[in-house]
Protein backbone atom coordinates (compact mmCIF):
# COMPACT_ATOMS: atom_id res chain seq x y z
CA MET A 1 17.60 20.04 29.76
CA SER A 2 17.12 20.75 26.07
CA ASP A 3 15.22 23.84 24.95
CA HIS A 4 12.87 21.46 23.15
CA ASP A 5 11.94 19.35 26.19
CA ASP A 6 8.98 21.53 27.15
CA LEU A 7 7.52 21.75 23.65
CA ASP A 8 4.35 19.90 22.77
CA PRO A 9 5.52 16.90 20.68
CA LEU A 10 2.34 17.17 18.59
CA ALA A 11 2.97 20.78 17.64
CA THR A 12 5.08 19.70 14.67
CA ALA A 13 3.75 16.16 14.27
CA HIS A 14 2.70 14.70 10.91
CA LEU A 15 -0.81 13.52 10.03
CA ASP A 16 -0.20 9.87 10.90
CA THR A 17 1.00 10.81 14.38
CA LEU A 18 -1.85 13.26 14.95
CA ALA A 19 -4.35 10.63 13.84
CA ILE A 20 -3.16 8.35 16.64
CA ARG A 21 -1.98 10.66 19.42
CA SER A 22 -3.98 13.90 19.36
CA GLY A 23 -7.03 14.44 21.55
CA ILE A 24 -5.90 12.01 24.26
CA LYS A 25 -6.47 12.97 27.88
CA ARG A 26 -5.85 10.03 30.18
CA THR A 27 -7.82 9.58 33.39
CA GLU A 28 -6.35 8.53 36.72
CA GLU A 29 -6.82 4.92 35.60
CA GLY A 30 -3.91 5.30 33.17
CA GLU A 31 -5.69 3.69 30.22
CA HIS A 32 -3.83 3.42 26.92
CA SER A 33 -6.88 3.34 24.64
CA GLU A 34 -9.36 6.19 24.87
CA PRO A 35 -12.24 5.44 27.28
CA ILE A 36 -15.92 5.65 26.39
CA PHE A 37 -17.68 8.05 28.73
CA ALA A 38 -21.14 6.49 28.60
CA THR A 39 -22.87 9.01 30.79
CA SER A 40 -25.68 11.46 30.21
CA SER A 41 -24.74 13.82 33.03
CA TYR A 42 -21.93 14.84 35.37
CA VAL A 43 -21.67 15.37 39.12
CA PHE A 44 -20.70 18.72 40.66
CA GLU A 45 -18.72 19.19 43.85
CA ASN A 46 -21.12 21.82 45.13
CA ALA A 47 -23.82 24.30 44.11
CA ALA A 48 -21.31 27.00 43.30
CA GLU A 49 -19.46 24.76 40.83
CA ALA A 50 -22.75 23.77 39.17
CA ALA A 51 -23.72 27.41 38.78
CA ALA A 52 -20.31 28.35 37.37
CA ARG A 53 -20.40 25.57 34.80
CA PHE A 54 -23.93 26.35 33.68
CA SER A 55 -23.07 30.03 33.33
CA GLY A 56 -19.90 29.26 31.41
CA GLU A 57 -17.69 30.94 33.99
CA SER A 58 -15.95 27.65 34.75
CA PRO A 59 -14.91 24.99 32.21
CA GLY A 60 -16.16 21.45 32.60
CA ASN A 61 -18.90 19.07 31.61
CA VAL A 62 -22.56 19.80 32.25
CA TYR A 63 -24.61 17.37 30.16
CA SER A 64 -23.68 15.05 27.29
CA ARG A 65 -25.91 16.89 24.87
CA TYR A 66 -23.49 19.78 25.47
CA THR A 67 -20.12 18.10 25.92
CA ASN A 68 -18.73 14.62 26.43
CA PRO A 69 -15.05 13.67 26.93
CA THR A 70 -15.08 10.95 24.25
CA VAL A 71 -16.81 13.18 21.73
CA ARG A 72 -14.42 15.99 22.60
CA ALA A 73 -11.42 13.72 21.96
CA PHE A 74 -12.78 12.95 18.48
CA GLU A 75 -13.39 16.64 17.80
CA GLN A 76 -9.88 17.61 18.89
CA ARG A 77 -8.25 14.85 16.86
CA LEU A 78 -10.15 15.64 13.67
CA ALA A 79 -9.46 19.36 14.11
CA ALA A 80 -5.75 18.54 14.40
CA LEU A 81 -5.86 16.55 11.15
CA GLU A 82 -7.80 19.27 9.35
CA GLY A 83 -5.76 22.16 10.67
CA ALA A 84 -8.94 23.76 12.01
CA GLU A 85 -9.36 25.96 15.06
CA ALA A 86 -12.34 23.95 16.23
CA CYS A 87 -14.59 21.00 15.41
CA VAL A 88 -18.16 20.18 16.40
CA ALA A 89 -19.38 16.58 16.12
CA ALA A 90 -22.93 15.78 15.03
CA ALA A 91 -25.22 12.75 14.89
CA SER A 92 -24.82 12.26 11.13
CA GLY A 93 -23.42 13.92 8.05
CA MET A 94 -26.78 15.48 7.27
CA ALA A 95 -27.06 16.70 10.87
CA ALA A 96 -23.68 18.38 10.37
CA ILE A 97 -24.86 20.19 7.22
CA LEU A 98 -28.16 21.15 8.84
CA SER A 99 -26.33 22.51 11.89
CA VAL A 100 -24.12 24.72 9.74
CA CYS A 101 -27.13 26.13 7.93
CA MET A 102 -29.30 26.66 11.00
CA ALA A 103 -26.42 28.24 12.90
CA LEU A 104 -25.10 30.58 10.21
CA LEU A 105 -28.08 31.38 7.98
CA LYS A 106 -31.23 33.38 8.61
CA SER A 107 -34.49 34.02 6.80
CA GLY A 108 -33.83 36.10 3.72
CA ASP A 109 -30.34 34.77 3.15
CA HIS A 110 -29.40 33.26 -0.20
CA VAL A 111 -27.40 30.08 -0.74
CA ILE A 112 -25.75 28.94 -3.95
CA CYS A 113 -25.39 25.16 -3.96
CA SER A 114 -23.82 22.85 -6.48
CA ARG A 115 -26.45 20.67 -8.10
CA ASP A 116 -23.84 17.89 -8.09
CA VAL A 117 -24.11 17.19 -4.37
CA PHE A 118 -25.60 14.20 -2.57
CA GLY A 119 -29.32 13.86 -3.30
CA THR A 120 -30.39 14.36 0.32
CA THR A 121 -28.31 17.54 0.50
CA ILE A 122 -30.28 18.87 -2.46
CA ASN A 123 -33.51 18.08 -0.64
CA LEU A 124 -32.28 19.76 2.53
CA PHE A 125 -31.54 22.99 0.69
CA GLY A 126 -34.41 22.85 -1.80
CA LYS A 127 -37.26 21.51 0.33
CA VAL A 128 -36.44 22.12 3.98
CA LEU A 129 -34.47 25.34 4.32
CA THR A 130 -36.71 27.15 1.84
CA ARG A 131 -39.59 26.67 4.31
CA PHE A 132 -37.70 28.95 6.69
CA GLY A 133 -37.20 31.74 4.19
CA VAL A 134 -33.77 30.77 2.89
CA GLU A 135 -33.43 31.30 -0.85
CA VAL A 136 -31.49 28.64 -2.78
CA THR A 137 -30.04 28.55 -6.29
CA PHE A 138 -28.59 25.33 -7.71
CA VAL A 139 -25.83 25.63 -10.29
CA PRO A 140 -23.53 23.18 -12.14
CA LEU A 141 -20.40 22.53 -10.09
CA LEU A 142 -17.97 23.35 -12.90
CA ASP A 143 -19.78 26.32 -14.49
CA ASP A 144 -17.91 29.35 -13.11
CA SER A 145 -20.15 31.78 -14.98
CA ALA A 146 -23.26 30.19 -13.44
CA TRP A 147 -21.84 30.59 -9.93
CA ARG A 148 -21.02 34.24 -10.58
CA ALA A 149 -24.35 34.96 -12.22
CA ALA A 150 -26.17 33.46 -9.25
CA VAL A 151 -24.58 35.82 -6.71
CA ARG A 152 -27.01 38.27 -5.12
CA PRO A 153 -26.60 41.01 -2.53
CA ASN A 154 -28.05 38.60 0.08
CA THR A 155 -25.85 35.62 -0.86
CA ALA A 156 -24.47 34.27 2.43
CA MET A 157 -23.14 30.80 1.58
CA LEU A 158 -21.62 28.79 -1.25
CA PHE A 159 -21.94 25.04 -0.73
CA LEU A 160 -20.31 22.23 -2.69
CA GLU A 161 -18.70 18.82 -2.44
CA THR A 162 -15.58 17.84 -4.34
CA PRO A 163 -15.07 15.34 -5.82
CA SER A 164 -18.80 15.16 -6.47
CA ASN A 165 -21.10 12.21 -5.86
CA PRO A 166 -21.15 10.11 -8.00
CA LEU A 167 -19.50 11.59 -11.12
CA CYS A 168 -16.24 12.62 -9.39
CA GLU A 169 -16.26 16.16 -10.78
CA VAL A 170 -13.58 18.34 -9.19
CA ALA A 171 -14.16 21.94 -8.12
CA ASP A 172 -11.39 24.52 -8.09
CA LEU A 173 -11.35 25.36 -4.38
CA ALA A 174 -9.02 28.33 -4.74
CA ALA A 175 -11.33 29.89 -7.36
CA MET A 176 -14.42 29.16 -5.26
CA SER A 177 -12.74 30.71 -2.25
CA ALA A 178 -12.02 33.86 -4.25
CA LEU A 179 -15.68 34.07 -5.30
CA ALA A 180 -16.76 33.65 -1.68
CA ARG A 181 -14.52 36.56 -0.64
CA GLU A 182 -15.83 38.73 -3.48
CA SER A 183 -19.45 38.00 -2.56
CA ASP A 184 -18.86 38.30 1.20
CA SER A 185 -20.18 34.78 1.72
CA LEU A 186 -19.03 31.59 3.42
CA LEU A 187 -17.55 28.74 1.40
CA VAL A 188 -18.67 25.41 2.87
CA VAL A 189 -17.08 22.24 1.46
CA ASP A 190 -18.23 18.67 1.99
CA ASN A 191 -14.92 16.78 2.12
CA SER A 192 -16.36 13.34 2.91
CA PHE A 193 -14.93 11.67 -0.20
CA CYS A 194 -11.34 12.79 0.38
CA THR A 195 -10.98 13.23 4.16
CA PRO A 196 -8.09 15.33 5.51
CA SER A 197 -5.62 12.68 4.41
CA LEU A 198 -6.25 13.53 0.73
CA GLN A 199 -7.51 17.11 0.74
CA LEU A 200 -7.49 20.13 3.08
CA PRO A 201 -10.12 22.64 1.91
CA LEU A 202 -9.38 25.10 4.73
CA GLU A 203 -5.83 25.49 3.40
CA MET A 204 -7.30 26.42 0.02
CA GLY A 205 -9.57 29.10 1.41
CA ALA A 206 -12.74 27.31 2.49
CA ASP A 207 -14.39 28.71 5.62
CA ILE A 208 -16.04 25.53 6.82
CA VAL A 209 -15.58 21.82 6.13
CA VAL A 210 -18.28 19.23 6.80
CA TYR A 211 -18.04 15.45 7.00
CA ALA A 212 -20.23 12.42 7.02
CA ALA A 213 -18.04 10.60 9.54
CA THR A 214 -20.19 7.59 8.69
CA LYS A 215 -18.07 7.20 5.56
CA TYR A 216 -14.26 7.08 5.46
CA LEU A 217 -13.61 8.56 8.90
CA ASP A 218 -15.16 5.39 10.31
CA GLY A 219 -13.98 3.19 7.48
CA GLN A 220 -15.89 0.03 8.30
CA GLY A 221 -19.55 1.01 8.02
CA ARG A 222 -20.28 0.78 11.73
CA CYS A 223 -21.65 4.08 13.04
CA MET A 224 -23.51 7.23 12.03
CA GLY A 225 -21.86 10.57 12.64
CA GLY A 226 -20.89 13.92 11.20
CA ALA A 227 -18.52 16.78 11.88
CA VAL A 228 -18.18 20.51 11.19
CA LEU A 229 -14.80 22.28 11.23
CA GLY A 230 -13.71 25.87 10.91
CA SER A 231 -12.92 28.97 12.93
CA ALA A 232 -13.73 29.09 16.63
CA ILE A 233 -16.17 31.94 15.99
CA HIS A 234 -18.22 29.93 13.48
CA MET A 235 -17.99 26.71 15.48
CA ASN A 236 -19.32 28.44 18.60
CA GLU A 237 -22.46 29.24 16.63
CA VAL A 238 -22.74 25.65 15.38
CA LEU A 239 -22.22 24.31 18.90
CA MET A 240 -24.97 26.58 20.19
CA PHE A 241 -27.38 25.04 17.69
CA LEU A 242 -26.36 21.47 18.50
CA ARG A 243 -26.52 21.83 22.25
CA THR A 244 -29.93 23.52 21.98
CA CYS A 245 -31.55 21.32 19.34
CA GLY A 246 -29.80 18.06 20.14
CA PRO A 247 -28.38 16.36 17.00
CA THR A 248 -25.22 15.46 18.90
CA MET A 249 -22.89 12.50 18.49
CA SER A 250 -23.04 9.57 20.91
CA PRO A 251 -19.92 8.73 22.97
CA PHE A 252 -19.77 5.20 21.58
CA ASN A 253 -19.84 6.43 17.98
CA ALA A 254 -17.15 9.00 18.77
CA TRP A 255 -14.94 6.21 20.15
CA VAL A 256 -15.43 4.17 16.98
CA PHE A 257 -14.46 7.18 14.87
CA LEU A 258 -11.36 7.73 17.01
CA LYS A 259 -10.28 4.20 16.16
CA GLY A 260 -11.06 4.81 12.48
CA LEU A 261 -8.89 7.91 12.35
CA GLU A 262 -5.87 5.91 13.49
CA THR A 263 -5.70 4.10 10.14
CA LEU A 264 -7.14 6.86 7.94
CA ARG A 265 -4.16 7.60 5.69
CA LEU A 266 -3.31 3.95 5.14
CA ARG A 267 -6.90 3.17 4.20
CA MET A 268 -7.34 6.17 1.91
CA GLU A 269 -4.17 5.32 0.02
CA ALA A 270 -5.37 1.73 -0.41
CA HIS A 271 -8.86 2.83 -1.51
CA SER A 272 -7.35 5.23 -4.04
CA ARG A 273 -4.91 2.68 -5.39
CA SER A 274 -7.56 -0.01 -5.88
CA ALA A 275 -10.14 2.40 -7.32
CA LEU A 276 -7.68 3.62 -9.95
CA GLU A 277 -6.77 0.06 -10.92
CA LEU A 278 -10.43 -0.94 -11.17
CA ALA A 279 -11.37 2.21 -13.11
CA GLN A 280 -8.63 1.54 -15.66
CA TRP A 281 -9.81 -2.06 -15.96
CA LEU A 282 -13.43 -0.98 -16.47
CA GLN A 283 -12.39 1.29 -19.33
CA GLN A 284 -11.21 -1.78 -21.22
CA GLN A 285 -14.42 -3.76 -20.82
CA ARG A 286 -16.93 -4.24 -23.58
CA GLY A 287 -20.32 -3.02 -22.40
CA VAL A 288 -18.98 0.08 -20.62
CA GLU A 289 -19.85 3.41 -22.21
CA LYS A 290 -17.92 5.67 -19.85
CA VAL A 291 -16.03 5.58 -16.55
CA TYR A 292 -16.07 8.52 -14.13
CA TYR A 293 -13.03 8.69 -11.85
CA CYS A 294 -10.89 11.77 -11.34
CA GLY A 295 -7.75 9.63 -11.20
CA LEU A 296 -8.10 8.73 -14.88
CA LYS A 297 -5.97 10.90 -17.12
CA ASP A 298 -8.84 11.49 -19.54
CA HIS A 299 -11.15 12.70 -16.76
CA PRO A 300 -11.79 16.48 -17.11
CA GLY A 301 -10.84 17.03 -13.48
CA PHE A 302 -7.64 14.98 -13.48
CA ALA A 303 -5.18 17.88 -13.58
CA LEU A 304 -7.00 19.83 -10.88
CA ALA A 305 -7.44 16.77 -8.68
CA THR A 306 -3.73 16.03 -9.02
CA GLN A 307 -2.96 19.60 -7.98
CA GLN A 308 -5.21 19.98 -4.93
CA GLN A 309 -5.57 16.38 -3.71
CA LYS A 310 -3.02 13.85 -2.43
CA GLY A 311 -5.01 10.99 -3.97
CA TYR A 312 -8.16 10.38 -5.95
CA GLY A 313 -10.36 8.55 -3.46
CA GLY A 314 -12.27 5.32 -3.58
CA VAL A 315 -15.49 6.25 -5.42
CA LEU A 316 -16.04 5.76 -9.14
CA SER A 317 -19.03 5.33 -11.40
CA PHE A 318 -19.62 4.01 -14.88
CA LEU A 319 -22.26 3.79 -17.57
CA VAL A 320 -23.23 0.39 -18.92
CA GLU A 321 -24.70 0.01 -22.37
CA GLY A 322 -28.49 0.08 -22.24
CA GLY A 323 -30.84 1.61 -19.68
CA ARG A 324 -32.03 0.88 -16.17
CA ASP A 325 -32.76 -2.78 -16.86
CA GLN A 326 -29.18 -3.45 -17.91
CA ALA A 327 -27.81 -1.58 -14.89
CA TRP A 328 -30.04 -3.57 -12.54
CA LYS A 329 -29.06 -6.84 -14.20
CA PHE A 330 -25.40 -5.99 -13.76
CA ILE A 331 -25.83 -5.15 -10.08
CA ASP A 332 -27.96 -8.23 -9.37
CA ALA A 333 -25.38 -10.50 -10.99
CA THR A 334 -22.56 -9.49 -8.63
CA LYS A 335 -22.00 -11.77 -5.64
CA LEU A 336 -18.96 -10.47 -3.77
CA VAL A 337 -19.58 -6.72 -3.54
CA SER A 338 -22.29 -5.40 -1.22
CA HIS A 339 -25.45 -3.94 -2.71
CA THR A 340 -25.86 -0.98 -0.37
CA ALA A 341 -25.95 2.80 -0.65
CA ASN A 342 -23.24 3.42 1.95
CA LEU A 343 -19.64 4.14 0.98
CA GLY A 344 -16.30 4.48 2.70
CA ASP A 345 -16.42 0.90 3.94
CA ALA A 346 -13.67 -1.71 3.89
CA LYS A 347 -16.18 -3.70 1.82
CA THR A 348 -16.78 -2.59 -1.77
CA THR A 349 -20.33 -1.39 -2.35
CA ILE A 350 -22.39 -1.07 -5.52
CA VAL A 351 -25.56 0.92 -6.09
CA HIS A 352 -27.84 2.37 -8.77
CA PRO A 353 -27.93 6.11 -7.92
CA ALA A 354 -31.01 7.02 -9.98
CA THR A 355 -33.26 4.76 -7.92
CA THR A 356 -31.50 5.02 -4.53
CA THR A 357 -29.26 7.89 -3.43
CA HIS A 358 -30.76 10.34 -5.93
CA SER A 359 -34.25 8.83 -6.20
CA ARG A 360 -35.97 11.73 -4.42
CA LEU A 361 -34.86 14.16 -7.08
CA THR A 362 -37.17 14.91 -9.95
CA PRO A 363 -36.31 13.36 -13.34
CA GLU A 364 -35.29 16.84 -14.49
CA GLN A 365 -32.97 17.29 -11.49
CA ARG A 366 -31.37 13.91 -12.09
CA GLU A 367 -30.81 14.73 -15.74
CA GLU A 368 -29.21 18.07 -14.83
CA ALA A 369 -26.94 16.32 -12.33
CA GLY A 370 -25.92 13.66 -14.85
CA ILE A 371 -27.57 10.81 -12.94
CA ALA A 372 -28.42 8.58 -15.89
CA GLU A 373 -30.54 5.45 -15.69
CA ASN A 374 -27.58 3.31 -16.80
CA LEU A 375 -25.19 4.76 -14.20
CA ILE A 376 -23.67 2.48 -11.55
CA ARG A 377 -21.62 3.69 -8.58
CA LEU A 378 -18.84 1.68 -6.98
CA ALA A 379 -17.22 2.59 -3.68
CA VAL A 380 -14.09 0.49 -3.85
CA GLY A 381 -13.13 -1.16 -0.58
CA LEU A 382 -10.02 -2.95 0.59
CA GLU A 383 -10.47 -6.36 -1.05
CA ASN A 384 -8.04 -7.71 -3.60
CA VAL A 385 -8.74 -6.00 -6.93
CA VAL A 386 -8.48 -9.27 -8.86
CA ASP A 387 -11.43 -10.59 -6.88
CA LEU A 388 -13.41 -7.41 -7.54
CA GLU A 389 -12.72 -7.68 -11.27
CA ALA A 390 -13.93 -11.28 -11.22
CA ASP A 391 -17.15 -10.14 -9.58
CA MET A 392 -17.63 -7.39 -12.15
CA GLN A 393 -17.24 -10.03 -14.85
CA ARG A 394 -20.39 -11.67 -13.48
CA GLY A 395 -22.20 -8.43 -14.21
CA PHE A 396 -20.83 -8.11 -17.70
CA ALA A 397 -21.72 -11.74 -18.45
CA ARG A 398 -25.34 -10.95 -17.57
CA ILE A 399 -25.71 -7.95 -19.88
CA ARG A 400 -23.70 -9.08 -22.91
């Protein structure tokens, strides 16, 4: 027998293999695909076993708000891809962010948040958490001096997403990690746009990574879900909040995400390739003022994105000449792409951020975040790029 025969074959496996093989625990039925454990509760052999499980003395399932085998498989697989000690699944991306905050912040704590995050994230920090005594300061993602100036003795968390939504600005994760260490705070990174196939924030010093699994982890716009990853110590706190307050992931959604992870790298490479081709094409079109995509060599974040990412992702945005009316005309003229605010789908989506994803921000907040009235966001799917360009031509024909 070889010395290697007893080793776990996944211990040294690559991302593609982990995305397909990790987290699997077959039942006595011998199934090849992961089963869906559609059950709310679990049966105990006797009263002593029930007591031991409820007390935590014995491992095992108690109630699906606490644990579920299908959800656990998703958590273990995503943790393997991320290189994290532990993962906790949530009902949505926003539930994941809320769980981190409720588990690891307290009244009187201070959070510094990039103002270039998803509009609902801004509302969560600025309108919800402040009701519970959490102090929040919003700063420009790329302004290092603003981040440093915002630090207070009670600063407990730095929160950002990179690349940002929808302008694709790229934060220096190593520098942000250093600031978090200096200020004795947690660095939390929303990695939904890149996924672990393109970027690993924990390797660059982040403490916690959050995902809207609804996006690229699913990949086909089917289910809502979120995830939080980090150290076992932090994830135990997050799990305590989820199992008490209930924003947990359903077994069916976890199974869908398991299937999505199997093709994650292939999809992310295809999204990135098509988005770059479309962004370069848009730069050549009359009627376009500016294209935002970190894979373009003239993008301010290109060098940094090339350094810390394995690809540039599928989201881009661009300014059309004129104001809101021209942007709306462009969007309404398209026929192939889907007019929806979701992203990360196999189908390309188009949206007007100022009146949808960022509509709940004040005009001043939108201006600070660079959400102009003539800005259009594209989340490039997996269609043939030639067909997407033809559809964009319908938009340009309407506004020229």
